[in-house]
Amino acid sequence: MLRIYEVVLVMAGDTARIAEQIERRDRDLARQLRRAMQSVALNVAEGMGSLHGHKRQRYSSALGSAREALACVQVAQAMRYIGPVHEQVLDRMDHVIATLGRLVYRRAS
């Protein structure tokens, strides 16, 4: 199992709390954040069980969704739906995005 999967699950908990705050002001954005985060976890899990090119496709989908989840948080901050997000939460999101990026963009052996 990929070690990053455990980090993704912690990130899901982080974003669930953020989505609850966002939902008070913008139900659609909160729903978008939840869907994106679910997609990250599900695509990483699916990728772990896939072979070759399919694995990279799943990780690529997870990467796009992780970036979308981060964007949802950033938009919520910009629109003043939420206050500052704990630095550790943002670091975890960056870590997941960077790790998935390495999995997607590494050279084929």
PDB file of N, CA and C in Angstrom:
ATOM      1  N   MET A   1       0.851  -1.185   0.000  1.00  0.00           N
ATOM      2  CA  MET A   1       0.000   0.000   0.000  1.00  0.00           C
ATOM      3  C   MET A   1       0.894   1.244   0.000  1.00  0.00           C
ATOM      4  N   LEU A   2       0.490   2.250  -0.740  1.00  0.00           N
ATOM      5  CA  LEU A   2       1.219   3.513  -0.754  1.00  0.00           C
ATOM      6  C   LEU A   2       1.103   4.196   0.598  1.00  0.00           C
ATOM      7  N   ARG A   3       2.214   4.703   1.080  1.00  0.00           N
ATOM      8  CA  ARG A   3       2.184   5.430   2.358  1.00  0.00           C
ATOM      9  C   ARG A   3       1.361   6.700   2.254  1.00  0.00           C
ATOM     10  N   ILE A   4       1.298   7.288   1.068  1.00  0.00           N
ATOM     11  CA  ILE A   4       0.570   8.536   0.902  1.00  0.00           C
ATOM     12  C   ILE A   4      -0.931   8.341   1.123  1.00  0.00           C
ATOM     13  N   TYR A   5      -1.424   7.123   0.962  1.00  0.00           N
ATOM     14  CA  TYR A   5      -2.857   6.874   1.155  1.00  0.00           C
ATOM     15  C   TYR A   5      -3.295   7.243   2.571  1.00  0.00           C
ATOM     16  N   GLU A   6      -2.472   6.915   3.554  1.00  0.00           N
ATOM     17  CA  GLU A   6      -2.800   7.273   4.940  1.00  0.00           C
ATOM     18  C   GLU A   6      -2.854   8.789   5.108  1.00  0.00           C
ATOM     19  N   VAL A   7      -1.965   9.501   4.436  1.00  0.00           N
ATOM     20  CA  VAL A   7      -1.955  10.963   4.494  1.00  0.00           C
ATOM     21  C   VAL A   7      -3.208  11.512   3.813  1.00  0.00           C
ATOM     22  N   VAL A   8      -3.619  10.884   2.719  1.00  0.00           N
ATOM     23  CA  VAL A   8      -4.842  11.286   2.019  1.00  0.00           C
ATOM     24  C   VAL A   8      -6.045  11.161   2.950  1.00  0.00           C
ATOM     25  N   LEU A   9      -6.098  10.106   3.739  1.00  0.00           N
ATOM     26  CA  LEU A   9      -7.224   9.926   4.659  1.00  0.00           C
ATOM     27  C   LEU A   9      -7.239  11.009   5.744  1.00  0.00           C
ATOM     28  N   VAL A  10      -6.066  11.396   6.233  1.00  0.00           N
ATOM     29  CA  VAL A  10      -5.997  12.497   7.199  1.00  0.00           C
ATOM     30  C   VAL A  10      -6.448  13.792   6.521  1.00  0.00           C
ATOM     31  N   MET A  11      -6.010  13.985   5.281  1.00  0.00           N
ATOM     32  CA  MET A  11      -6.415  15.153   4.514  1.00  0.00           C
ATOM     33  C   MET A  11      -7.936  15.176   4.338  1.00  0.00           C
ATOM     34  N   ALA A  12      -8.545  14.022   4.150  1.00  0.00           N
ATOM     35  CA  ALA A  12     -10.006  13.949   4.025  1.00  0.00           C
ATOM     36  C   ALA A  12     -10.678  14.445   5.299  1.00  0.00           C
ATOM     37  N   GLY A  13     -10.125  14.078   6.441  1.00  0.00           N
ATOM     38  CA  GLY A  13     -10.668  14.576   7.706  1.00  0.00           C
ATOM     39  C   GLY A  13     -10.502  16.079   7.841  1.00  0.00           C
ATOM     40  N   ASP A  14      -9.339  16.572   7.424  1.00  0.00           N
ATOM     41  CA  ASP A  14      -9.099  18.017   7.453  1.00  0.00           C
ATOM     42  C   ASP A  14     -10.127  18.753   6.603  1.00  0.00           C
ATOM     43  N   THR A  15     -10.314  18.276   5.383  1.00  0.00           N
ATOM     44  CA  THR A  15     -11.206  18.980   4.464  1.00  0.00           C
ATOM     45  C   THR A  15     -12.671  18.831   4.868  1.00  0.00           C
ATOM     46  N   ALA A  16     -12.999  17.753   5.556  1.00  0.00           N
ATOM     47  CA  ALA A  16     -14.380  17.605   6.040  1.00  0.00           C
ATOM     48  C   ALA A  16     -14.716  18.720   7.024  1.00  0.00           C
ATOM     49  N   ARG A  17     -13.783  19.021   7.909  1.00  0.00           N
ATOM     50  CA  ARG A  17     -14.015  20.111   8.869  1.00  0.00           C
ATOM     51  C   ARG A  17     -14.109  21.462   8.154  1.00  0.00           C
ATOM     52  N   ILE A  18     -13.263  21.664   7.156  1.00  0.00           N
ATOM     53  CA  ILE A  18     -13.300  22.911   6.397  1.00  0.00           C
ATOM     54  C   ILE A  18     -14.613  23.016   5.621  1.00  0.00           C
ATOM     55  N   ALA A  19     -15.045  21.910   5.022  1.00  0.00           N
ATOM     56  CA  ALA A  19     -16.298  21.911   4.259  1.00  0.00           C
ATOM     57  C   ALA A  19     -17.485  22.271   5.157  1.00  0.00           C
ATOM     58  N   GLU A  20     -17.460  21.828   6.391  1.00  0.00           N
ATOM     59  CA  GLU A  20     -18.542  22.186   7.323  1.00  0.00           C
ATOM     60  C   GLU A  20     -18.602  23.696   7.523  1.00  0.00           C
ATOM     61  N   GLN A  21     -17.450  24.341   7.605  1.00  0.00           N
ATOM     62  CA  GLN A  21     -17.412  25.800   7.753  1.00  0.00           C
ATOM     63  C   GLN A  21     -17.891  26.494   6.478  1.00  0.00           C
ATOM     64  N   ILE A  22     -17.425  26.001   5.339  1.00  0.00           N
ATOM     65  CA  ILE A  22     -17.800  26.599   4.055  1.00  0.00           C
ATOM     66  C   ILE A  22     -19.303  26.476   3.825  1.00  0.00           C
ATOM     67  N   GLU A  23     -19.855  25.355   4.203  1.00  0.00           N
ATOM     68  CA  GLU A  23     -21.269  25.068   3.941  1.00  0.00           C
ATOM     69  C   GLU A  23     -22.197  26.122   4.538  1.00  0.00           C
ATOM     70  N   ARG A  24     -21.782  26.750   5.615  1.00  0.00           N
ATOM     71  CA  ARG A  24     -22.609  27.795   6.234  1.00  0.00           C
ATOM     72  C   ARG A  24     -22.819  28.978   5.295  1.00  0.00           C
ATOM     73  N   ARG A  25     -21.883  29.170   4.358  1.00  0.00           N
ATOM     74  CA  ARG A  25     -21.944  30.318   3.447  1.00  0.00           C
ATOM     75  C   ARG A  25     -22.208  29.915   2.000  1.00  0.00           C
ATOM     76  N   ASP A  26     -21.735  28.706   1.612  1.00  0.00           N
ATOM     77  CA  ASP A  26     -21.821  28.303   0.205  1.00  0.00           C
ATOM     78  C   ASP A  26     -21.913  26.782   0.130  1.00  0.00           C
ATOM     79  N   ARG A  27     -23.121  26.288   0.042  1.00  0.00           N
ATOM     80  CA  ARG A  27     -23.347  24.848   0.034  1.00  0.00           C
ATOM     81  C   ARG A  27     -22.708  24.175  -1.187  1.00  0.00           C
ATOM     82  N   ASP A  28     -22.768  24.852  -2.338  1.00  0.00           N
ATOM     83  CA  ASP A  28     -22.211  24.270  -3.559  1.00  0.00           C
ATOM     84  C   ASP A  28     -20.690  24.112  -3.479  1.00  0.00           C
ATOM     85  N   LEU A  29     -20.000  25.110  -2.968  1.00  0.00           N
ATOM     86  CA  LEU A  29     -18.550  25.015  -2.845  1.00  0.00           C
ATOM     87  C   LEU A  29     -18.159  23.922  -1.848  1.00  0.00           C
ATOM     88  N   ALA A  30     -18.897  23.802  -0.771  1.00  0.00           N
ATOM     89  CA  ALA A  30     -18.630  22.737   0.201  1.00  0.00           C
ATOM     90  C   ALA A  30     -18.828  21.367  -0.437  1.00  0.00           C
ATOM     91  N   ARG A  31     -19.864  21.227  -1.228  1.00  0.00           N
ATOM     92  CA  ARG A  31     -20.133  19.966  -1.916  1.00  0.00           C
ATOM     93  C   ARG A  31     -19.012  19.654  -2.920  1.00  0.00           C
ATOM     94  N   GLN A  32     -18.553  20.687  -3.618  1.00  0.00           N
ATOM     95  CA  GLN A  32     -17.460  20.520  -4.575  1.00  0.00           C
ATOM     96  C   GLN A  32     -16.185  20.045  -3.862  1.00  0.00           C
ATOM     97  N   LEU A  33     -15.889  20.641  -2.709  1.00  0.00           N
ATOM     98  CA  LEU A  33     -14.722  20.239  -1.929  1.00  0.00           C
ATOM     99  C   LEU A  33     -14.845  18.783  -1.496  1.00  0.00           C
ATOM    100  N   ARG A  34     -16.009  18.403  -1.032  1.00  0.00           N
ATOM    101  CA  ARG A  34     -16.194  17.013  -0.593  1.00  0.00           C
ATOM    102  C   ARG A  34     -16.023  16.033  -1.755  1.00  0.00           C
ATOM    103  N   ARG A  35     -16.609  16.359  -2.901  1.00  0.00           N
ATOM    104  CA  ARG A  35     -16.490  15.470  -4.063  1.00  0.00           C
ATOM    105  C   ARG A  35     -15.035  15.356  -4.513  1.00  0.00           C
ATOM    106  N   ALA A  36     -14.335  16.476  -4.548  1.00  0.00           N
ATOM    107  CA  ALA A  36     -12.931  16.447  -4.957  1.00  0.00           C
ATOM    108  C   ALA A  36     -12.114  15.585  -4.006  1.00  0.00           C
ATOM    109  N   MET A  37     -12.338  15.739  -2.710  1.00  0.00           N
ATOM    110  CA  MET A  37     -11.563  14.978  -1.727  1.00  0.00           C
ATOM    111  C   MET A  37     -11.886  13.494  -1.808  1.00  0.00           C
ATOM    112  N   GLN A  38     -13.147  13.169  -2.010  1.00  0.00           N
ATOM    113  CA  GLN A  38     -13.515  11.763  -2.178  1.00  0.00           C
ATOM    114  C   GLN A  38     -12.822  11.177  -3.405  1.00  0.00           C
ATOM    115  N   SER A  39     -12.751  11.965  -4.473  1.00  0.00           N
ATOM    116  CA  SER A  39     -12.098  11.517  -5.695  1.00  0.00           C
ATOM    117  C   SER A  39     -10.610  11.256  -5.469  1.00  0.00           C
ATOM    118  N   VAL A  40      -9.963  12.094  -4.671  1.00  0.00           N
ATOM    119  CA  VAL A  40      -8.548  11.871  -4.365  1.00  0.00           C
ATOM    120  C   VAL A  40      -8.372  10.499  -3.723  1.00  0.00           C
ATOM    121  N   ALA A  41      -9.097  10.257  -2.657  1.00  0.00           N
ATOM    122  CA  ALA A  41      -8.944   8.999  -1.914  1.00  0.00           C
ATOM    123  C   ALA A  41      -9.312   7.790  -2.773  1.00  0.00           C
ATOM    124  N   LEU A  42     -10.415   7.881  -3.483  1.00  0.00           N
ATOM    125  CA  LEU A  42     -10.865   6.728  -4.263  1.00  0.00           C
ATOM    126  C   LEU A  42      -9.932   6.434  -5.437  1.00  0.00           C
ATOM    127  N   ASN A  43      -9.429   7.466  -6.091  1.00  0.00           N
ATOM    128  CA  ASN A  43      -8.511   7.233  -7.212  1.00  0.00           C
ATOM    129  C   ASN A  43      -7.153   6.727  -6.743  1.00  0.00           C
ATOM    130  N   VAL A  44      -6.671   7.203  -5.601  1.00  0.00           N
ATOM    131  CA  VAL A  44      -5.419   6.661  -5.065  1.00  0.00           C
ATOM    132  C   VAL A  44      -5.608   5.182  -4.728  1.00  0.00           C
ATOM    133  N   ALA A  45      -6.709   4.855  -4.085  1.00  0.00           N
ATOM    134  CA  ALA A  45      -6.973   3.458  -3.735  1.00  0.00           C
ATOM    135  C   ALA A  45      -7.083   2.595  -4.990  1.00  0.00           C
ATOM    136  N   GLU A  46      -7.773   3.102  -5.995  1.00  0.00           N
ATOM    137  CA  GLU A  46      -7.905   2.350  -7.237  1.00  0.00           C
ATOM    138  C   GLU A  46      -6.557   2.201  -7.927  1.00  0.00           C
ATOM    139  N   GLY A  47      -5.761   3.260  -7.911  1.00  0.00           N
ATOM    140  CA  GLY A  47      -4.441   3.205  -8.524  1.00  0.00           C
ATOM    141  C   GLY A  47      -3.534   2.174  -7.883  1.00  0.00           C
ATOM    142  N   MET A  48      -3.670   2.008  -6.585  1.00  0.00           N
ATOM    143  CA  MET A  48      -2.824   1.027  -5.889  1.00  0.00           C
ATOM    144  C   MET A  48      -3.087  -0.390  -6.385  1.00  0.00           C
ATOM    145  N   GLY A  49      -4.286  -0.629  -6.908  1.00  0.00           N
ATOM    146  CA  GLY A  49      -4.620  -1.965  -7.393  1.00  0.00           C
ATOM    147  C   GLY A  49      -4.564  -2.099  -8.898  1.00  0.00           C
ATOM    148  N   SER A  50      -4.116  -1.059  -9.576  1.00  0.00           N
ATOM    149  CA  SER A  50      -4.072  -1.067 -11.040  1.00  0.00           C
ATOM    150  C   SER A  50      -2.678  -1.421 -11.543  1.00  0.00           C
ATOM    151  N   LEU A  51      -2.620  -1.702 -12.816  1.00  0.00           N
ATOM    152  CA  LEU A  51      -1.350  -2.044 -13.440  1.00  0.00           C
ATOM    153  C   LEU A  51      -0.948  -0.991 -14.457  1.00  0.00           C
ATOM    154  N   HIS A  52       0.323  -0.733 -14.549  1.00  0.00           N
ATOM    155  CA  HIS A  52       0.979   0.054 -15.586  1.00  0.00           C
ATOM    156  C   HIS A  52       0.265   1.375 -15.891  1.00  0.00           C
ATOM    157  N   GLY A  53      -0.197   1.554 -17.130  1.00  0.00           N
ATOM    158  CA  GLY A  53      -0.789   2.813 -17.570  1.00  0.00           C
ATOM    159  C   GLY A  53      -2.043   3.190 -16.808  1.00  0.00           C
ATOM    160  N   HIS A  54      -2.816   2.199 -16.423  1.00  0.00           N
ATOM    161  CA  HIS A  54      -4.039   2.478 -15.663  1.00  0.00           C
ATOM    162  C   HIS A  54      -3.709   3.075 -14.299  1.00  0.00           C
ATOM    163  N   LYS A  55      -2.620   2.616 -13.725  1.00  0.00           N
ATOM    164  CA  LYS A  55      -2.168   3.138 -12.432  1.00  0.00           C
ATOM    165  C   LYS A  55      -1.882   4.637 -12.562  1.00  0.00           C
ATOM    166  N   ARG A  56      -1.135   5.005 -13.580  1.00  0.00           N
ATOM    167  CA  ARG A  56      -0.791   6.410 -13.797  1.00  0.00           C
ATOM    168  C   ARG A  56      -2.054   7.245 -14.047  1.00  0.00           C
ATOM    169  N   GLN A  57      -3.017   6.705 -14.780  1.00  0.00           N
ATOM    170  CA  GLN A  57      -4.274   7.425 -15.031  1.00  0.00           C
ATOM    171  C   GLN A  57      -5.020   7.699 -13.726  1.00  0.00           C
ATOM    172  N   ARG A  58      -5.077   6.714 -12.847  1.00  0.00           N
ATOM    173  CA  ARG A  58      -5.773   6.898 -11.567  1.00  0.00           C
ATOM    174  C   ARG A  58      -5.062   7.949 -10.727  1.00  0.00           C
ATOM    175  N   TYR A  59      -3.719   7.881 -10.683  1.00  0.00           N
ATOM    176  CA  TYR A  59      -2.963   8.868  -9.906  1.00  0.00           C
ATOM    177  C   TYR A  59      -3.091  10.262 -10.516  1.00  0.00           C
ATOM    178  N   SER A  60      -3.184  10.323 -11.831  1.00  0.00           N
ATOM    179  CA  SER A  60      -3.375  11.612 -12.490  1.00  0.00           C
ATOM    180  C   SER A  60      -4.737  12.204 -12.118  1.00  0.00           C
ATOM    181  N   SER A  61      -5.761  11.383 -12.098  1.00  0.00           N
ATOM    182  CA  SER A  61      -7.091  11.847 -11.673  1.00  0.00           C
ATOM    183  C   SER A  61      -7.059  12.310 -10.220  1.00  0.00           C
ATOM    184  N   ALA A  62      -6.368  11.553  -9.376  1.00  0.00           N
ATOM    185  CA  ALA A  62      -6.257  11.927  -7.967  1.00  0.00           C
ATOM    186  C   ALA A  62      -5.525  13.253  -7.824  1.00  0.00           C
ATOM    187  N   LEU A  63      -4.483  13.453  -8.621  1.00  0.00           N
ATOM    188  CA  LEU A  63      -3.721  14.704  -8.581  1.00  0.00           C
ATOM    189  C   LEU A  63      -4.612  15.889  -8.960  1.00  0.00           C
ATOM    190  N   GLY A  64      -5.368  15.749 -10.034  1.00  0.00           N
ATOM    191  CA  GLY A  64      -6.272  16.821 -10.438  1.00  0.00           C
ATOM    192  C   GLY A  64      -7.287  17.139  -9.359  1.00  0.00           C
ATOM    193  N   SER A  65      -7.809  16.123  -8.727  1.00  0.00           N
ATOM    194  CA  SER A  65      -8.794  16.330  -7.668  1.00  0.00           C
ATOM    195  C   SER A  65      -8.164  16.939  -6.419  1.00  0.00           C
ATOM    196  N   ALA A  66      -6.918  16.571  -6.118  1.00  0.00           N
ATOM    197  CA  ALA A  66      -6.225  17.169  -4.970  1.00  0.00           C
ATOM    198  C   ALA A  66      -6.007  18.656  -5.203  1.00  0.00           C
ATOM    199  N   ARG A  67      -5.640  18.997  -6.433  1.00  0.00           N
ATOM    200  CA  ARG A  67      -5.480  20.414  -6.762  1.00  0.00           C
ATOM    201  C   ARG A  67      -6.814  21.143  -6.675  1.00  0.00           C
ATOM    202  N   GLU A  68      -7.870  20.479  -7.101  1.00  0.00           N
ATOM    203  CA  GLU A  68      -9.208  21.066  -7.009  1.00  0.00           C
ATOM    204  C   GLU A  68      -9.611  21.288  -5.552  1.00  0.00           C
ATOM    205  N   ALA A  69      -9.318  20.335  -4.695  1.00  0.00           N
ATOM    206  CA  ALA A  69      -9.644  20.482  -3.273  1.00  0.00           C
ATOM    207  C   ALA A  69      -8.907  21.678  -2.674  1.00  0.00           C
ATOM    208  N   LEU A  70      -7.637  21.805  -2.994  1.00  0.00           N
ATOM    209  CA  LEU A  70      -6.869  22.955  -2.508  1.00  0.00           C
ATOM    210  C   LEU A  70      -7.461  24.260  -3.043  1.00  0.00           C
ATOM    211  N   ALA A  71      -7.834  24.266  -4.305  1.00  0.00           N
ATOM    212  CA  ALA A  71      -8.433  25.467  -4.896  1.00  0.00           C
ATOM    213  C   ALA A  71      -9.745  25.825  -4.196  1.00  0.00           C
ATOM    214  N   CYS A  72     -10.538  24.841  -3.840  1.00  0.00           N
ATOM    215  CA  CYS A  72     -11.792  25.103  -3.110  1.00  0.00           C
ATOM    216  C   CYS A  72     -11.499  25.824  -1.793  1.00  0.00           C
ATOM    217  N   VAL A  73     -10.487  25.362  -1.086  1.00  0.00           N
ATOM    218  CA  VAL A  73     -10.101  25.995   0.182  1.00  0.00           C
ATOM    219  C   VAL A  73      -9.618  27.415  -0.074  1.00  0.00           C
ATOM    220  N   GLN A  74      -8.802  27.597  -1.096  1.00  0.00           N
ATOM    221  CA  GLN A  74      -8.278  28.931  -1.410  1.00  0.00           C
ATOM    222  C   GLN A  74      -9.391  29.887  -1.827  1.00  0.00           C
ATOM    223  N   VAL A  75     -10.345  29.403  -2.608  1.00  0.00           N
ATOM    224  CA  VAL A  75     -11.479  30.237  -3.023  1.00  0.00           C
ATOM    225  C   VAL A  75     -12.317  30.610  -1.800  1.00  0.00           C
ATOM    226  N   ALA A  76     -12.545  29.655  -0.923  1.00  0.00           N
ATOM    227  CA  ALA A  76     -13.322  29.937   0.285  1.00  0.00           C
ATOM    228  C   ALA A  76     -12.637  30.997   1.135  1.00  0.00           C
ATOM    229  N   GLN A  77     -11.319  30.945   1.208  1.00  0.00           N
ATOM    230  CA  GLN A  77     -10.588  31.981   1.943  1.00  0.00           C
ATOM    231  C   GLN A  77     -10.701  33.325   1.232  1.00  0.00           C
ATOM    232  N   ALA A  78     -10.524  33.329  -0.080  1.00  0.00           N
ATOM    233  CA  ALA A  78     -10.578  34.569  -0.845  1.00  0.00           C
ATOM    234  C   ALA A  78     -11.952  35.226  -0.741  1.00  0.00           C
ATOM    235  N   MET A  79     -12.981  34.408  -0.661  1.00  0.00           N
ATOM    236  CA  MET A  79     -14.345  34.941  -0.574  1.00  0.00           C
ATOM    237  C   MET A  79     -14.779  35.180   0.872  1.00  0.00           C
ATOM    238  N   ARG A  80     -13.846  34.977   1.782  1.00  0.00           N
ATOM    239  CA  ARG A  80     -14.056  35.203   3.214  1.00  0.00           C
ATOM    240  C   ARG A  80     -15.144  34.310   3.829  1.00  0.00           C
ATOM    241  N   TYR A  81     -15.281  33.103   3.259  1.00  0.00           N
ATOM    242  CA  TYR A  81     -16.187  32.126   3.860  1.00  0.00           C
ATOM    243  C   TYR A  81     -15.546  31.488   5.080  1.00  0.00           C
ATOM    244  N   ILE A  82     -14.215  31.392   5.043  1.00  0.00           N
ATOM    245  CA  ILE A  82     -13.463  30.805   6.153  1.00  0.00           C
ATOM    246  C   ILE A  82     -12.276  31.707   6.458  1.00  0.00           C
ATOM    247  N   GLY A  83     -11.758  31.558   7.663  1.00  0.00           N
ATOM    248  CA  GLY A  83     -10.560  32.290   8.051  1.00  0.00           C
ATOM    249  C   GLY A  83      -9.324  31.523   7.651  1.00  0.00           C
ATOM    250  N   PRO A  84      -8.210  31.879   8.253  1.00  0.00           N
ATOM    251  CA  PRO A  84      -6.954  31.181   7.947  1.00  0.00           C
ATOM    252  C   PRO A  84      -7.064  29.681   8.237  1.00  0.00           C
ATOM    253  N   VAL A  85      -6.423  28.905   7.397  1.00  0.00           N
ATOM    254  CA  VAL A  85      -6.386  27.450   7.564  1.00  0.00           C
ATOM    255  C   VAL A  85      -5.054  27.105   8.209  1.00  0.00           C
ATOM    256  N   HIS A  86      -5.083  26.192   9.153  1.00  0.00           N
ATOM    257  CA  HIS A  86      -3.872  25.792   9.867  1.00  0.00           C
ATOM    258  C   HIS A  86      -2.791  25.395   8.875  1.00  0.00           C
ATOM    259  N   GLU A  87      -1.586  25.876   9.108  1.00  0.00           N
ATOM    260  CA  GLU A  87      -0.459  25.634   8.204  1.00  0.00           C
ATOM    261  C   GLU A  87      -0.213  24.143   7.988  1.00  0.00           C
ATOM    262  N   GLN A  88      -0.414  23.342   9.003  1.00  0.00           N
ATOM    263  CA  GLN A  88      -0.200  21.901   8.896  1.00  0.00           C
ATOM    264  C   GLN A  88      -1.170  21.275   7.891  1.00  0.00           C
ATOM    265  N   VAL A  89      -2.392  21.788   7.826  1.00  0.00           N
ATOM    266  CA  VAL A  89      -3.382  21.290   6.869  1.00  0.00           C
ATOM    267  C   VAL A  89      -2.927  21.609   5.445  1.00  0.00           C
ATOM    268  N   LEU A  90      -2.495  22.847   5.227  1.00  0.00           N
ATOM    269  CA  LEU A  90      -2.020  23.246   3.901  1.00  0.00           C
ATOM    270  C   LEU A  90      -0.759  22.488   3.511  1.00  0.00           C
ATOM    271  N   ASP A  91       0.133  22.264   4.466  1.00  0.00           N
ATOM    272  CA  ASP A  91       1.348  21.481   4.198  1.00  0.00           C
ATOM    273  C   ASP A  91       0.995  20.057   3.785  1.00  0.00           C
ATOM    274  N   ARG A  92      -0.004  19.481   4.451  1.00  0.00           N
ATOM    275  CA  ARG A  92      -0.427  18.118   4.124  1.00  0.00           C
ATOM    276  C   ARG A  92      -0.996  18.078   2.700  1.00  0.00           C
ATOM    277  N   MET A  93      -1.786  19.072   2.342  1.00  0.00           N
ATOM    278  CA  MET A  93      -2.340  19.129   0.989  1.00  0.00           C
ATOM    279  C   MET A  93      -1.216  19.251  -0.038  1.00  0.00           C
ATOM    280  N   ASP A  94      -0.254  20.117   0.238  1.00  0.00           N
ATOM    281  CA  ASP A  94       0.897  20.281  -0.661  1.00  0.00           C
ATOM    282  C   ASP A  94       1.688  18.980  -0.788  1.00  0.00           C
ATOM    283  N   HIS A  95       1.844  18.277   0.321  1.00  0.00           N
ATOM    284  CA  HIS A  95       2.579  17.011   0.322  1.00  0.00           C
ATOM    285  C   HIS A  95       1.884  15.978  -0.567  1.00  0.00           C
ATOM    286  N   VAL A  96       0.568  15.873  -0.439  1.00  0.00           N
ATOM    287  CA  VAL A  96      -0.190  14.927  -1.259  1.00  0.00           C
ATOM    288  C   VAL A  96      -0.061  15.295  -2.733  1.00  0.00           C
ATOM    289  N   ILE A  97      -0.214  16.574  -3.047  1.00  0.00           N
ATOM    290  CA  ILE A  97      -0.107  17.021  -4.437  1.00  0.00           C
ATOM    291  C   ILE A  97       1.285  16.727  -4.990  1.00  0.00           C
ATOM    292  N   ALA A  98       2.319  17.022  -4.222  1.00  0.00           N
ATOM    293  CA  ALA A  98       3.688  16.779  -4.688  1.00  0.00           C
ATOM    294  C   ALA A  98       3.956  15.291  -4.896  1.00  0.00           C
ATOM    295  N   THR A  99       3.495  14.472  -3.986  1.00  0.00           N
ATOM    296  CA  THR A  99       3.717  13.029  -4.104  1.00  0.00           C
ATOM    297  C   THR A  99       2.994  12.470  -5.311  1.00  0.00           C
ATOM    298  N   LEU A 100       1.741  12.865  -5.499  1.00  0.00           N
ATOM    299  CA  LEU A 100       0.993  12.391  -6.664  1.00  0.00           C
ATOM    300  C   LEU A 100       1.643  12.894  -7.954  1.00  0.00           C
ATOM    301  N   GLY A 101       2.145  14.117  -7.931  1.00  0.00           N
ATOM    302  CA  GLY A 101       2.843  14.643  -9.098  1.00  0.00           C
ATOM    303  C   GLY A 101       4.053  13.797  -9.458  1.00  0.00           C
ATOM    304  N   ARG A 102       4.799  13.375  -8.453  1.00  0.00           N
ATOM    305  CA  ARG A 102       5.959  12.512  -8.721  1.00  0.00           C
ATOM    306  C   ARG A 102       5.520  11.162  -9.289  1.00  0.00           C
ATOM    307  N   LEU A 103       4.404  10.633  -8.796  1.00  0.00           N
ATOM    308  CA  LEU A 103       3.912   9.351  -9.303  1.00  0.00           C
ATOM    309  C   LEU A 103       3.435   9.473 -10.747  1.00  0.00           C
ATOM    310  N   VAL A 104       2.850  10.595 -11.083  1.00  0.00           N
ATOM    311  CA  VAL A 104       2.303  10.786 -12.428  1.00  0.00           C
ATOM    312  C   VAL A 104       3.386  11.128 -13.435  1.00  0.00           C
ATOM    313  N   TYR A 105       4.303  12.006 -13.037  1.00  0.00           N
ATOM    314  CA  TYR A 105       5.252  12.566 -14.007  1.00  0.00           C
ATOM    315  C   TYR A 105       6.626  11.918 -14.011  1.00  0.00           C
ATOM    316  N   ARG A 106       6.825  10.896 -13.185  1.00  0.00           N
ATOM    317  CA  ARG A 106       8.138  10.245 -13.220  1.00  0.00           C
ATOM    318  C   ARG A 106       8.292   9.532 -14.563  1.00  0.00           C
ATOM    319  N   ARG A 107       9.529   9.416 -14.986  1.00  0.00           N
ATOM    320  CA  ARG A 107       9.808   8.789 -16.277  1.00  0.00           C
ATOM    321  C   ARG A 107       9.504   7.304 -16.222  1.00  0.00           C
ATOM    322  N   ALA A 108       8.946   6.818 -17.297  1.00  0.00           N
ATOM    323  CA  ALA A 108       8.690   5.370 -17.401  1.00  0.00           C
ATOM    324  C   ALA A 108      10.020   4.638 -17.469  1.00  0.00           C
ATOM    325  N   SER A 109      10.128   3.568 -16.714  1.00  0.00           N
ATOM    326  CA  SER A 109      11.383   2.806 -16.682  1.00  0.00           C
ATOM    327  C   SER A 109      11.460   1.820 -17.810  1.00  0.00           C
TER     328      SER A 109
END
